[in-house]
Amino acid sequence: MKNLIAELLVKLAQKEEESKELVAQVEALEIVVTALLRQMAQNEQQALIKSVEGALEAARPDSQVPVQDSEMLQQYVKKLLRHPRS
């Protein structure tokens, strides 16, 4: 029983570390995208945003992907492009 609990704790620690790495990757990408958008002229920004949103719309996942997941992805992309970090 102690071995099982120890194994579960090790797996939990590994998952937590993986989660931290993913958060760091996402935050780094947000910083990069925000910096790139700030370097672009307004009309270029709008063209890029429309292009990304159009590509996202065209790549709608099939019915195997939960609608909630798809909507969450769209919300994050919209937030990132239209309301970048300050």
PDB file of N, CA and C in Angstrom:
ATOM      1  N   MET A   1       0.829  -1.199   0.000  1.00  0.00           N
ATOM      2  CA  MET A   1       0.000   0.000   0.000  1.00  0.00           C
ATOM      3  C   MET A   1       0.870   1.258   0.000  1.00  0.00           C
ATOM      4  N   LYS A   2       1.938   1.229   0.798  1.00  0.00           N
ATOM      5  CA  LYS A   2       2.834   2.391   0.845  1.00  0.00           C
ATOM      6  C   LYS A   2       3.487   2.623  -0.510  1.00  0.00           C
ATOM      7  N   ASN A   3       3.841   1.519  -1.186  1.00  0.00           N
ATOM      8  CA  ASN A   3       4.445   1.650  -2.514  1.00  0.00           C
ATOM      9  C   ASN A   3       3.479   2.280  -3.506  1.00  0.00           C
ATOM     10  N   LEU A   4       2.236   1.894  -3.425  1.00  0.00           N
ATOM     11  CA  LEU A   4       1.220   2.453  -4.313  1.00  0.00           C
ATOM     12  C   LEU A   4       1.067   3.948  -4.079  1.00  0.00           C
ATOM     13  N   ILE A   5       1.003   4.328  -2.839  1.00  0.00           N
ATOM     14  CA  ILE A   5       0.871   5.756  -2.505  1.00  0.00           C
ATOM     15  C   ILE A   5       2.110   6.517  -2.963  1.00  0.00           C
ATOM     16  N   ALA A   6       3.287   5.934  -2.763  1.00  0.00           N
ATOM     17  CA  ALA A   6       4.523   6.588  -3.194  1.00  0.00           C
ATOM     18  C   ALA A   6       4.540   6.756  -4.712  1.00  0.00           C
ATOM     19  N   GLU A   7       4.125   5.716  -5.440  1.00  0.00           N
ATOM     20  CA  GLU A   7       4.071   5.804  -6.898  1.00  0.00           C
ATOM     21  C   GLU A   7       3.098   6.877  -7.354  1.00  0.00           C
ATOM     22  N   LEU A   8       1.952   6.945  -6.705  1.00  0.00           N
ATOM     23  CA  LEU A   8       0.959   7.963  -7.061  1.00  0.00           C
ATOM     24  C   LEU A   8       1.493   9.368  -6.796  1.00  0.00           C
ATOM     25  N   LEU A   9       2.200   9.541  -5.714  1.00  0.00           N
ATOM     26  CA  LEU A   9       2.774  10.852  -5.401  1.00  0.00           C
ATOM     27  C   LEU A   9       3.841  11.246  -6.421  1.00  0.00           C
ATOM     28  N   VAL A  10       4.641  10.284  -6.852  1.00  0.00           N
ATOM     29  CA  VAL A  10       5.655  10.559  -7.865  1.00  0.00           C
ATOM     30  C   VAL A  10       4.985  10.947  -9.178  1.00  0.00           C
ATOM     31  N   LYS A  11       3.957  10.217  -9.579  1.00  0.00           N
ATOM     32  CA  LYS A  11       3.238  10.533 -10.817  1.00  0.00           C
ATOM     33  C   LYS A  11       2.575  11.902 -10.735  1.00  0.00           C
ATOM     34  N   LEU A  12       2.018  12.206  -9.583  1.00  0.00           N
ATOM     35  CA  LEU A  12       1.390  13.511  -9.386  1.00  0.00           C
ATOM     36  C   LEU A  12       2.420  14.627  -9.499  1.00  0.00           C
ATOM     37  N   ALA A  13       3.583  14.435  -8.933  1.00  0.00           N
ATOM     38  CA  ALA A  13       4.646  15.431  -9.025  1.00  0.00           C
ATOM     39  C   ALA A  13       5.094  15.611 -10.472  1.00  0.00           C
ATOM     40  N   GLN A  14       5.180  14.514 -11.220  1.00  0.00           N
ATOM     41  CA  GLN A  14       5.558  14.603 -12.630  1.00  0.00           C
ATOM     42  C   GLN A  14       4.525  15.379 -13.430  1.00  0.00           C
ATOM     43  N   LYS A  15       3.264  15.108 -13.175  1.00  0.00           N
ATOM     44  CA  LYS A  15       2.184  15.808 -13.886  1.00  0.00           C
ATOM     45  C   LYS A  15       2.208  17.297 -13.550  1.00  0.00           C
ATOM     46  N   GLU A  16       2.494  17.610 -12.303  1.00  0.00           N
ATOM     47  CA  GLU A  16       2.546  19.016 -11.896  1.00  0.00           C
ATOM     48  C   GLU A  16       3.702  19.723 -12.612  1.00  0.00           C
ATOM     49  N   GLU A  17       4.826  19.055 -12.733  1.00  0.00           N
ATOM     50  CA  GLU A  17       5.978  19.625 -13.427  1.00  0.00           C
ATOM     51  C   GLU A  17       5.656  19.835 -14.910  1.00  0.00           C
ATOM     52  N   GLU A  18       5.000  18.873 -15.530  1.00  0.00           N
ATOM     53  CA  GLU A  18       4.599  19.009 -16.929  1.00  0.00           C
ATOM     54  C   GLU A  18       3.641  20.180 -17.099  1.00  0.00           C
ATOM     55  N   SER A  19       2.741  20.325 -16.150  1.00  0.00           N
ATOM     56  CA  SER A  19       1.774  21.417 -16.202  1.00  0.00           C
ATOM     57  C   SER A  19       2.482  22.766 -16.108  1.00  0.00           C
ATOM     58  N   LYS A  20       3.462  22.872 -15.234  1.00  0.00           N
ATOM     59  CA  LYS A  20       4.226  24.119 -15.097  1.00  0.00           C
ATOM     60  C   LYS A  20       4.954  24.451 -16.391  1.00  0.00           C
ATOM     61  N   GLU A  21       5.514  23.427 -17.038  1.00  0.00           N
ATOM     62  CA  GLU A  21       6.208  23.644 -18.300  1.00  0.00           C
ATOM     63  C   GLU A  21       5.254  24.145 -19.372  1.00  0.00           C
ATOM     64  N   LEU A  22       4.068  23.569 -19.428  1.00  0.00           N
ATOM     65  CA  LEU A  22       3.078  24.011 -20.417  1.00  0.00           C
ATOM     66  C   LEU A  22       2.652  25.446 -20.162  1.00  0.00           C
ATOM     67  N   VAL A  23       2.457  25.799 -18.919  1.00  0.00           N
ATOM     68  CA  VAL A  23       2.087  27.175 -18.578  1.00  0.00           C
ATOM     69  C   VAL A  23       3.185  28.135 -19.018  1.00  0.00           C
ATOM     70  N   ALA A  24       4.433  27.773 -18.763  1.00  0.00           N
ATOM     71  CA  ALA A  24       5.556  28.622 -19.166  1.00  0.00           C
ATOM     72  C   ALA A  24       5.605  28.771 -20.690  1.00  0.00           C
ATOM     73  N   GLN A  25       5.356  27.689 -21.415  1.00  0.00           N
ATOM     74  CA  GLN A  25       5.354  27.756 -22.875  1.00  0.00           C
ATOM     75  C   GLN A  25       4.258  28.677 -23.381  1.00  0.00           C
ATOM     76  N   VAL A  26       3.076  28.558 -22.812  1.00  0.00           N
ATOM     77  CA  VAL A  26       1.951  29.390 -23.238  1.00  0.00           C
ATOM     78  C   VAL A  26       2.241  30.859 -22.942  1.00  0.00           C
ATOM     79  N   GLU A  27       2.762  31.136 -21.760  1.00  0.00           N
ATOM     80  CA  GLU A  27       3.072  32.524 -21.418  1.00  0.00           C
ATOM     81  C   GLU A  27       4.151  33.095 -22.323  1.00  0.00           C
ATOM     82  N   ALA A  28       5.150  32.287 -22.665  1.00  0.00           N
ATOM     83  CA  ALA A  28       6.201  32.744 -23.584  1.00  0.00           C
ATOM     84  C   ALA A  28       5.604  33.063 -24.953  1.00  0.00           C
ATOM     85  N   LEU A  29       4.714  32.205 -25.427  1.00  0.00           N
ATOM     86  CA  LEU A  29       4.077  32.465 -26.721  1.00  0.00           C
ATOM     87  C   LEU A  29       3.220  33.721 -26.675  1.00  0.00           C
ATOM     88  N   GLU A  30       2.531  33.949 -25.577  1.00  0.00           N
ATOM     89  CA  GLU A  30       1.732  35.171 -25.441  1.00  0.00           C
ATOM     90  C   GLU A  30       2.618  36.402 -25.521  1.00  0.00           C
ATOM     91  N   ILE A  31       3.764  36.360 -24.870  1.00  0.00           N
ATOM     92  CA  ILE A  31       4.683  37.496 -24.890  1.00  0.00           C
ATOM     93  C   ILE A  31       5.203  37.740 -26.301  1.00  0.00           C
ATOM     94  N   VAL A  32       5.573  36.678 -26.995  1.00  0.00           N
ATOM     95  CA  VAL A  32       6.098  36.805 -28.358  1.00  0.00           C
ATOM     96  C   VAL A  32       5.031  37.358 -29.300  1.00  0.00           C
ATOM     97  N   VAL A  33       3.831  36.806 -29.242  1.00  0.00           N
ATOM     98  CA  VAL A  33       2.755  37.274 -30.123  1.00  0.00           C
ATOM     99  C   VAL A  33       2.427  38.734 -29.832  1.00  0.00           C
ATOM    100  N   THR A  34       2.363  39.090 -28.569  1.00  0.00           N
ATOM    101  CA  THR A  34       2.074  40.481 -28.207  1.00  0.00           C
ATOM    102  C   THR A  34       3.156  41.413 -28.744  1.00  0.00           C
ATOM    103  N   ALA A  35       4.410  41.037 -28.581  1.00  0.00           N
ATOM    104  CA  ALA A  35       5.504  41.873 -29.082  1.00  0.00           C
ATOM    105  C   ALA A  35       5.442  42.010 -30.599  1.00  0.00           C
ATOM    106  N   LEU A  36       5.149  40.909 -31.283  1.00  0.00           N
ATOM    107  CA  LEU A  36       5.043  40.967 -32.745  1.00  0.00           C
ATOM    108  C   LEU A  36       3.885  41.861 -33.182  1.00  0.00           C
ATOM    109  N   LEU A  37       2.754  41.734 -32.527  1.00  0.00           N
ATOM    110  CA  LEU A  37       1.600  42.568 -32.885  1.00  0.00           C
ATOM    111  C   LEU A  37       1.898  44.044 -32.666  1.00  0.00           C
ATOM    112  N   ARG A  38       2.613  44.359 -31.620  1.00  0.00           N
ATOM    113  CA  ARG A  38       2.924  45.766 -31.330  1.00  0.00           C
ATOM    114  C   ARG A  38       3.867  46.374 -32.358  1.00  0.00           C
ATOM    115  N   GLN A  39       4.637  45.533 -33.033  1.00  0.00           N
ATOM    116  CA  GLN A  39       5.571  46.020 -34.048  1.00  0.00           C
ATOM    117  C   GLN A  39       4.898  46.228 -35.399  1.00  0.00           C
ATOM    118  N   MET A  40       3.686  45.733 -35.535  1.00  0.00           N
ATOM    119  CA  MET A  40       2.979  45.812 -36.813  1.00  0.00           C
ATOM    120  C   MET A  40       2.126  47.078 -36.883  1.00  0.00           C
ATOM    121  N   ALA A  41       1.959  47.565 -38.093  1.00  0.00           N
ATOM    122  CA  ALA A  41       1.032  48.675 -38.308  1.00  0.00           C
ATOM    123  C   ALA A  41      -0.392  48.162 -38.069  1.00  0.00           C
ATOM    124  N   GLN A  42      -1.295  49.067 -37.750  1.00  0.00           N
ATOM    125  CA  GLN A  42      -2.670  48.695 -37.410  1.00  0.00           C
ATOM    126  C   GLN A  42      -3.335  47.889 -38.516  1.00  0.00           C
ATOM    127  N   ASN A  43      -3.158  48.311 -39.765  1.00  0.00           N
ATOM    128  CA  ASN A  43      -3.799  47.577 -40.865  1.00  0.00           C
ATOM    129  C   ASN A  43      -3.196  46.182 -41.034  1.00  0.00           C
ATOM    130  N   GLU A  44      -1.897  46.046 -40.771  1.00  0.00           N
ATOM    131  CA  GLU A  44      -1.271  44.721 -40.821  1.00  0.00           C
ATOM    132  C   GLU A  44      -1.778  43.832 -39.689  1.00  0.00           C
ATOM    133  N   GLN A  45      -1.946  44.422 -38.517  1.00  0.00           N
ATOM    134  CA  GLN A  45      -2.499  43.672 -37.375  1.00  0.00           C
ATOM    135  C   GLN A  45      -3.869  43.114 -37.718  1.00  0.00           C
ATOM    136  N   GLN A  46      -4.723  43.984 -38.254  1.00  0.00           N
ATOM    137  CA  GLN A  46      -6.081  43.565 -38.580  1.00  0.00           C
ATOM    138  C   GLN A  46      -6.094  42.474 -39.646  1.00  0.00           C
ATOM    139  N   ALA A  47      -5.219  42.596 -40.633  1.00  0.00           N
ATOM    140  CA  ALA A  47      -5.145  41.578 -41.682  1.00  0.00           C
ATOM    141  C   ALA A  47      -4.694  40.239 -41.091  1.00  0.00           C
ATOM    142  N   LEU A  48      -3.721  40.279 -40.197  1.00  0.00           N
ATOM    143  CA  LEU A  48      -3.241  39.050 -39.561  1.00  0.00           C
ATOM    144  C   LEU A  48      -4.337  38.427 -38.700  1.00  0.00           C
ATOM    145  N   ILE A  49      -5.016  39.245 -37.917  1.00  0.00           N
ATOM    146  CA  ILE A  49      -6.088  38.751 -37.042  1.00  0.00           C
ATOM    147  C   ILE A  49      -7.173  38.076 -37.874  1.00  0.00           C
ATOM    148  N   LYS A  50      -7.586  38.740 -38.950  1.00  0.00           N
ATOM    149  CA  LYS A  50      -8.632  38.157 -39.801  1.00  0.00           C
ATOM    150  C   LYS A  50      -8.161  36.859 -40.447  1.00  0.00           C
ATOM    151  N   SER A  51      -6.901  36.818 -40.823  1.00  0.00           N
ATOM    152  CA  SER A  51      -6.351  35.614 -41.431  1.00  0.00           C
ATOM    153  C   SER A  51      -6.334  34.453 -40.434  1.00  0.00           C
ATOM    154  N   VAL A  52      -5.889  34.715 -39.213  1.00  0.00           N
ATOM    155  CA  VAL A  52      -5.839  33.668 -38.182  1.00  0.00           C
ATOM    156  C   VAL A  52      -7.244  33.207 -37.832  1.00  0.00           C
ATOM    157  N   GLU A  53      -8.148  34.149 -37.640  1.00  0.00           N
ATOM    158  CA  GLU A  53      -9.520  33.779 -37.304  1.00  0.00           C
ATOM    159  C   GLU A  53     -10.176  33.005 -38.441  1.00  0.00           C
ATOM    160  N   GLY A  54      -9.894  33.375 -39.684  1.00  0.00           N
ATOM    161  CA  GLY A  54     -10.428  32.641 -40.829  1.00  0.00           C
ATOM    162  C   GLY A  54      -9.877  31.226 -40.894  1.00  0.00           C
ATOM    163  N   ALA A  55      -8.576  31.087 -40.642  1.00  0.00           N
ATOM    164  CA  ALA A  55      -7.961  29.758 -40.647  1.00  0.00           C
ATOM    165  C   ALA A  55      -8.524  28.902 -39.528  1.00  0.00           C
ATOM    166  N   LEU A  56      -8.753  29.494 -38.380  1.00  0.00           N
ATOM    167  CA  LEU A  56      -9.327  28.761 -37.255  1.00  0.00           C
ATOM    168  C   LEU A  56     -10.746  28.307 -37.580  1.00  0.00           C
ATOM    169  N   GLU A  57     -11.495  29.168 -38.206  1.00  0.00           N
ATOM    170  CA  GLU A  57     -12.868  28.823 -38.588  1.00  0.00           C
ATOM    171  C   GLU A  57     -12.880  27.701 -39.628  1.00  0.00           C
ATOM    172  N   ALA A  58     -11.962  27.780 -40.583  1.00  0.00           N
ATOM    173  CA  ALA A  58     -11.893  26.762 -41.635  1.00  0.00           C
ATOM    174  C   ALA A  58     -11.426  25.411 -41.098  1.00  0.00           C
ATOM    175  N   ALA A  59     -10.696  25.438 -40.007  1.00  0.00           N
ATOM    176  CA  ALA A  59     -10.151  24.203 -39.437  1.00  0.00           C
ATOM    177  C   ALA A  59     -11.012  23.673 -38.298  1.00  0.00           C
ATOM    178  N   ARG A  60     -12.267  23.981 -38.333  1.00  0.00           N
ATOM    179  CA  ARG A  60     -13.168  23.496 -37.273  1.00  0.00           C
ATOM    180  C   ARG A  60     -13.022  21.994 -37.113  1.00  0.00           C
ATOM    181  N   PRO A  61     -12.863  21.559 -35.880  1.00  0.00           N
ATOM    182  CA  PRO A  61     -12.685  20.122 -35.652  1.00  0.00           C
ATOM    183  C   PRO A  61     -13.966  19.346 -35.929  1.00  0.00           C
ATOM    184  N   ASP A  62     -13.786  18.068 -36.124  1.00  0.00           N
ATOM    185  CA  ASP A  62     -14.954  17.222 -36.372  1.00  0.00           C
ATOM    186  C   ASP A  62     -15.747  17.015 -35.083  1.00  0.00           C
ATOM    187  N   SER A  63     -16.779  16.240 -35.175  1.00  0.00           N
ATOM    188  CA  SER A  63     -17.694  16.064 -34.041  1.00  0.00           C
ATOM    189  C   SER A  63     -17.083  15.289 -32.884  1.00  0.00           C
ATOM    190  N   GLN A  64     -15.887  14.719 -33.078  1.00  0.00           N
ATOM    191  CA  GLN A  64     -15.252  13.986 -31.984  1.00  0.00           C
ATOM    192  C   GLN A  64     -14.668  14.928 -30.927  1.00  0.00           C
ATOM    193  N   VAL A  65     -14.402  16.160 -31.317  1.00  0.00           N
ATOM    194  CA  VAL A  65     -13.872  17.141 -30.372  1.00  0.00           C
ATOM    195  C   VAL A  65     -15.052  17.839 -29.700  1.00  0.00           C
ATOM    196  N   PRO A  66     -15.068  17.854 -28.378  1.00  0.00           N
ATOM    197  CA  PRO A  66     -16.180  18.512 -27.681  1.00  0.00           C
ATOM    198  C   PRO A  66     -16.300  19.984 -28.074  1.00  0.00           C
ATOM    199  N   VAL A  67     -17.519  20.437 -28.236  1.00  0.00           N
ATOM    200  CA  VAL A  67     -17.786  21.823 -28.628  1.00  0.00           C
ATOM    201  C   VAL A  67     -17.147  22.786 -27.629  1.00  0.00           C
ATOM    202  N   GLN A  68     -17.196  22.427 -26.358  1.00  0.00           N
ATOM    203  CA  GLN A  68     -16.626  23.272 -25.311  1.00  0.00           C
ATOM    204  C   GLN A  68     -15.133  23.507 -25.548  1.00  0.00           C
ATOM    205  N   ASP A  69     -14.410  22.467 -25.933  1.00  0.00           N
ATOM    206  CA  ASP A  69     -12.972  22.594 -26.182  1.00  0.00           C
ATOM    207  C   ASP A  69     -12.711  23.512 -27.365  1.00  0.00           C
ATOM    208  N   SER A  70     -13.486  23.344 -28.417  1.00  0.00           N
ATOM    209  CA  SER A  70     -13.338  24.176 -29.604  1.00  0.00           C
ATOM    210  C   SER A  70     -13.617  25.643 -29.276  1.00  0.00           C
ATOM    211  N   GLU A  71     -14.667  25.883 -28.522  1.00  0.00           N
ATOM    212  CA  GLU A  71     -15.014  27.254 -28.141  1.00  0.00           C
ATOM    213  C   GLU A  71     -13.941  27.866 -27.246  1.00  0.00           C
ATOM    214  N   MET A  72     -13.385  27.064 -26.360  1.00  0.00           N
ATOM    215  CA  MET A  72     -12.341  27.565 -25.473  1.00  0.00           C
ATOM    216  C   MET A  72     -11.115  27.986 -26.288  1.00  0.00           C
ATOM    217  N   LEU A  73     -10.747  27.179 -27.272  1.00  0.00           N
ATOM    218  CA  LEU A  73      -9.616  27.514 -28.134  1.00  0.00           C
ATOM    219  C   LEU A  73      -9.883  28.827 -28.866  1.00  0.00           C
ATOM    220  N   GLN A  74     -11.084  28.963 -29.418  1.00  0.00           N
ATOM    221  CA  GLN A  74     -11.423  30.193 -30.139  1.00  0.00           C
ATOM    222  C   GLN A  74     -11.378  31.413 -29.207  1.00  0.00           C
ATOM    223  N   GLN A  75     -11.849  31.254 -27.986  1.00  0.00           N
ATOM    224  CA  GLN A  75     -11.830  32.364 -27.029  1.00  0.00           C
ATOM    225  C   GLN A  75     -10.404  32.786 -26.695  1.00  0.00           C
ATOM    226  N   TYR A  76      -9.525  31.810 -26.504  1.00  0.00           N
ATOM    227  CA  TYR A  76      -8.138  32.139 -26.183  1.00  0.00           C
ATOM    228  C   TYR A  76      -7.430  32.809 -27.356  1.00  0.00           C
ATOM    229  N   VAL A  77      -7.691  32.333 -28.567  1.00  0.00           N
ATOM    230  CA  VAL A  77      -7.080  32.958 -29.739  1.00  0.00           C
ATOM    231  C   VAL A  77      -7.580  34.392 -29.874  1.00  0.00           C
ATOM    232  N   LYS A  78      -8.872  34.581 -29.714  1.00  0.00           N
ATOM    233  CA  LYS A  78      -9.446  35.927 -29.812  1.00  0.00           C
ATOM    234  C   LYS A  78      -8.854  36.845 -28.747  1.00  0.00           C
ATOM    235  N   LYS A  79      -8.755  36.344 -27.530  1.00  0.00           N
ATOM    236  CA  LYS A  79      -8.184  37.140 -26.438  1.00  0.00           C
ATOM    237  C   LYS A  79      -6.743  37.511 -26.743  1.00  0.00           C
ATOM    238  N   LEU A  80      -5.981  36.562 -27.244  1.00  0.00           N
ATOM    239  CA  LEU A  80      -4.573  36.787 -27.541  1.00  0.00           C
ATOM    240  C   LEU A  80      -4.388  37.813 -28.649  1.00  0.00           C
ATOM    241  N   LEU A  81      -5.199  37.711 -29.694  1.00  0.00           N
ATOM    242  CA  LEU A  81      -5.036  38.604 -30.831  1.00  0.00           C
ATOM    243  C   LEU A  81      -5.697  39.969 -30.646  1.00  0.00           C
ATOM    244  N   ARG A  82      -6.859  39.974 -30.077  1.00  0.00           N
ATOM    245  CA  ARG A  82      -7.612  41.231 -29.983  1.00  0.00           C
ATOM    246  C   ARG A  82      -7.381  41.991 -28.681  1.00  0.00           C
ATOM    247  N   HIS A  83      -6.952  41.274 -27.649  1.00  0.00           N
ATOM    248  CA  HIS A  83      -6.688  41.906 -26.345  1.00  0.00           C
ATOM    249  C   HIS A  83      -5.368  41.386 -25.793  1.00  0.00           C
ATOM    250  N   PRO A  84      -4.264  41.707 -26.465  1.00  0.00           N
ATOM    251  CA  PRO A  84      -2.983  41.178 -26.009  1.00  0.00           C
ATOM    252  C   PRO A  84      -2.587  41.719 -24.638  1.00  0.00           C
ATOM    253  N   ARG A  85      -1.634  41.039 -24.045  1.00  0.00           N
ATOM    254  CA  ARG A  85      -1.156  41.436 -22.711  1.00  0.00           C
ATOM    255  C   ARG A  85      -0.721  42.892 -22.718  1.00  0.00           C
ATOM    256  N   SER A  86      -0.888  43.523 -21.586  1.00  0.00           N
ATOM    257  CA  SER A  86      -0.458  44.922 -21.446  1.00  0.00           C
ATOM    258  C   SER A  86       0.987  45.007 -21.044  1.00  0.00           C
TER     259      SER A  86
END
